Protein backbone atom coordinates (compact mmCIF):
# COMPACT_ATOMS: atom_id res chain seq x y z
CA MET A 1 -0.03 0.04 -0.05
CA THR A 2 1.48 3.32 -0.99
CA LEU A 3 0.82 6.58 0.74
CA ASP A 4 -1.05 7.89 -2.50
CA GLU A 5 -3.66 4.86 -2.04
CA LEU A 6 -4.48 6.34 1.34
CA GLY A 7 -6.30 9.49 -0.18
CA PRO A 8 -6.44 13.10 1.19
CA ARG A 9 -7.86 12.34 4.52
CA ILE A 10 -5.35 9.96 6.49
CA CYS A 11 -6.37 8.74 10.34
CA ILE A 12 -3.11 7.53 12.06
CA MET A 13 -3.49 5.49 15.49
CA GLY A 14 -1.31 3.26 17.60
CA PRO A 15 0.24 2.99 21.12
CA SER A 16 1.85 5.98 22.86
CA ASN A 17 5.13 7.11 21.34
CA SER A 18 4.87 4.99 18.33
CA GLY A 19 5.66 7.67 16.23
CA LYS A 20 2.04 9.15 15.40
CA SER A 21 2.94 12.61 15.20
CA THR A 22 6.05 12.17 13.35
CA LEU A 23 4.39 10.30 10.53
CA ALA A 24 1.58 12.82 10.37
CA ASP A 25 4.09 15.64 10.21
CA ALA A 26 6.08 13.88 7.55
CA ILE A 27 2.83 13.24 5.44
CA SER A 28 1.75 16.75 5.76
CA ARG A 29 5.06 17.89 4.53
CA GLY A 30 5.25 15.38 1.85
CA ARG A 31 1.54 15.48 0.75
CA GLY A 32 0.20 19.13 1.46
CA LEU A 33 -2.05 17.67 3.99
CA MET A 34 -3.22 19.99 7.25
CA PRO A 35 -1.60 18.16 10.17
CA ILE A 36 -4.20 17.59 12.93
CA HIS A 37 -2.40 16.28 16.20
CA LEU A 38 -5.23 15.46 18.75
CA ASP A 39 -3.21 15.50 21.63
CA GLN A 40 -3.23 19.35 21.17
CA PHE A 41 -7.02 19.17 20.88
CA TYR A 42 -7.49 17.16 23.99
CA HIS A 43 -5.24 19.09 26.27
CA LEU A 44 -5.07 22.56 27.29
CA PRO A 45 -1.90 24.68 25.99
CA HIS A 46 0.33 25.97 28.56
CA THR A 47 -0.33 23.00 31.06
CA ASP A 48 1.37 19.88 32.38
CA TRP A 49 -1.22 17.75 29.72
CA VAL A 50 -4.39 19.00 31.80
CA PRO A 51 -7.21 17.65 29.67
CA ARG A 52 -10.04 20.17 28.29
CA PRO A 53 -13.48 19.81 28.78
CA ALA A 54 -14.85 16.93 26.68
CA ASN A 55 -17.62 18.94 24.89
CA GLU A 56 -14.88 21.38 23.83
CA PHE A 57 -12.47 18.64 22.65
CA GLY A 58 -15.21 17.18 20.90
CA ALA A 59 -16.17 20.43 19.08
CA LEU A 60 -12.47 20.98 17.92
CA HIS A 61 -12.40 17.33 16.65
CA ASP A 62 -15.39 17.61 14.55
CA ALA A 63 -14.60 20.89 13.08
CA ALA A 64 -11.12 19.47 11.99
CA ILE A 65 -12.33 16.69 10.19
CA MET A 66 -14.61 18.68 8.07
CA GLY A 67 -11.52 19.92 6.17
CA GLU A 68 -10.92 18.20 2.86
CA HIS A 69 -7.25 17.45 3.09
CA TRP A 70 -5.99 16.40 6.47
CA VAL A 71 -3.71 14.17 8.32
CA ILE A 72 -4.80 13.14 11.89
CA ASP A 73 -2.80 11.24 14.75
CA GLY A 74 -4.10 10.27 18.01
CA ASN A 75 -6.44 7.65 19.49
CA TYR A 76 -9.28 9.15 21.29
CA SER A 77 -11.53 6.11 20.61
CA ARG A 78 -14.71 8.04 21.62
CA LEU A 79 -14.53 10.17 18.61
CA LEU A 80 -13.35 7.56 16.29
CA PRO A 81 -16.67 6.72 14.17
CA GLN A 82 -16.76 10.30 12.96
CA ARG A 83 -13.01 10.29 12.00
CA LEU A 84 -13.50 7.23 10.14
CA GLN A 85 -16.38 8.33 8.32
CA ARG A 86 -14.57 10.91 6.81
CA ALA A 87 -11.02 9.46 6.35
CA THR A 88 -10.06 8.06 3.00
CA GLY A 89 -7.03 5.98 4.51
CA PHE A 90 -5.87 4.21 7.58
CA VAL A 91 -2.40 3.93 9.38
CA LEU A 92 -1.99 1.66 12.21
CA LEU A 93 1.70 2.11 13.94
CA ASP A 94 2.34 -1.10 16.01
CA VAL A 95 5.73 -0.76 17.11
CA SER A 96 7.10 -2.55 20.20
CA THR A 97 6.61 -1.36 23.63
CA VAL A 98 10.76 -1.09 24.37
CA VAL A 99 10.62 1.16 21.10
CA GLY A 100 7.98 3.29 22.76
CA LEU A 101 9.51 3.60 26.13
CA TYR A 102 12.80 4.41 24.60
CA ARG A 103 10.96 7.68 22.38
CA TYR A 104 9.21 8.51 25.44
CA THR A 105 12.45 8.93 27.54
CA ARG A 106 14.22 10.54 24.64
CA ARG A 107 11.73 13.22 23.56
CA CYS A 108 10.90 13.79 27.80
CA TRP A 109 15.01 14.35 28.30
CA PHE A 110 16.43 15.83 24.91
CA GLU A 111 13.52 17.10 22.34
CA ARG A 112 12.45 20.61 23.05
CA ASP A 113 10.54 21.02 19.50
CA ARG A 114 8.82 17.67 19.41
CA ARG A 115 6.08 17.18 16.60
CA GLY A 116 2.70 17.35 18.31
CA THR A 117 3.69 18.62 21.73
CA LEU A 118 1.43 21.11 23.45
CA GLU A 119 2.13 24.95 23.32
CA GLY A 120 3.93 26.16 26.02
CA GLY A 121 4.14 22.36 27.64
CA ARG A 122 7.05 20.51 28.73
CA ASP A 123 7.41 17.00 28.67
CA SER A 124 8.58 15.16 31.86
CA VAL A 125 9.23 11.42 32.52
CA LYS A 126 6.13 10.54 34.39
CA TRP A 127 5.40 7.07 36.35
CA ASP A 128 1.61 6.99 35.09
CA VAL A 129 2.96 7.26 31.58
CA ILE A 130 5.34 4.59 31.78
CA HIS A 131 2.71 2.45 33.81
CA HIS A 132 0.15 2.99 31.08
CA MET A 133 2.62 2.07 28.17
CA THR A 134 3.72 -1.30 29.89
CA VAL A 135 0.54 -2.34 31.28
CA ALA A 136 -2.55 -0.69 29.26
CA THR A 137 -1.07 -1.12 25.63
CA ARG A 138 -1.15 -4.67 25.90
CA ALA A 139 -4.91 -4.46 25.90
CA ASN A 140 -5.13 -1.51 23.74
CA ARG A 141 -3.16 -3.60 20.96
CA SER A 142 -5.43 -6.34 21.11
CA ARG A 143 -8.26 -3.62 20.63
CA TYR A 144 -6.45 -2.08 17.85
CA GLU A 145 -5.84 -5.40 16.06
CA ARG A 146 -9.50 -6.35 16.24
CA MET A 147 -10.60 -2.74 15.03
CA PHE A 148 -8.02 -2.77 12.27
CA ASP A 149 -9.64 -6.01 10.71
CA ASP A 150 -13.02 -4.30 10.71
CA ILE A 151 -11.93 -0.90 8.97
CA ARG A 152 -13.12 -0.91 5.49
CA LEU A 153 -10.93 1.90 4.21
CA PRO A 154 -7.41 1.62 2.58
CA LYS A 155 -5.37 0.51 5.56
CA LEU A 156 -1.70 -0.07 6.50
CA ARG A 157 -0.32 -1.61 9.57
CA LEU A 158 3.32 -0.87 10.16
CA ASP A 159 4.49 -3.36 12.91
CA SER A 160 8.18 -2.76 13.47
CA ALA A 161 10.33 0.47 13.63
CA ARG A 162 11.86 -1.00 10.27
CA ALA A 163 8.65 -1.14 8.71
CA VAL A 164 7.94 2.31 9.69
CA ALA A 165 11.43 3.19 8.20
CA GLU A 166 10.45 1.65 4.84
CA PHE A 167 7.35 3.22 4.56
CA TYR A 168 9.16 6.45 4.91
CA GLY A 169 11.58 5.67 2.26
CA ALA A 170 9.09 4.10 -0.13
CA ASN A 171 6.98 7.18 0.28
CA GLY A 172 9.83 9.83 0.05
CA LEU A 173 9.12 11.07 3.63
CA ARG A 174 11.50 12.69 5.74
CA ARG A 175 11.14 12.69 9.62
């Protein structure tokens, strides 16, 4: 499956720190699509990842997906049905938990201008995030796999860091 086959409205999902925002920005630059990072809609700017009221998040989400050309990253399953109704393609990133943990600590300690981060926010290593990545992610992976099988859009599953790198290369994308 090539990037062109995914169309002008691409939905990217996957476990925490699997590279969703980085891939969304690369696709945005490579194909001229508007990047939409759901973490930035869900959390209030200039905070330590404090959630917005649910109705505000829903309104931002629903307005964003009405556009004709976008690439959106994030899970937020409650709003997934309307996102998939508008999407023309779907990508599931399924890199290992070890890779995700490495990326999480690297971004918290070394990356100040990370894609998809909150305006005015600063990432720091948090025990609850590490716990989520090592415990909850296992159940989420099973749910994502079942969901992936049911999606009736052009779709692609990238199940390793190598598969992601090959996708970047095959589609002329840069991180």
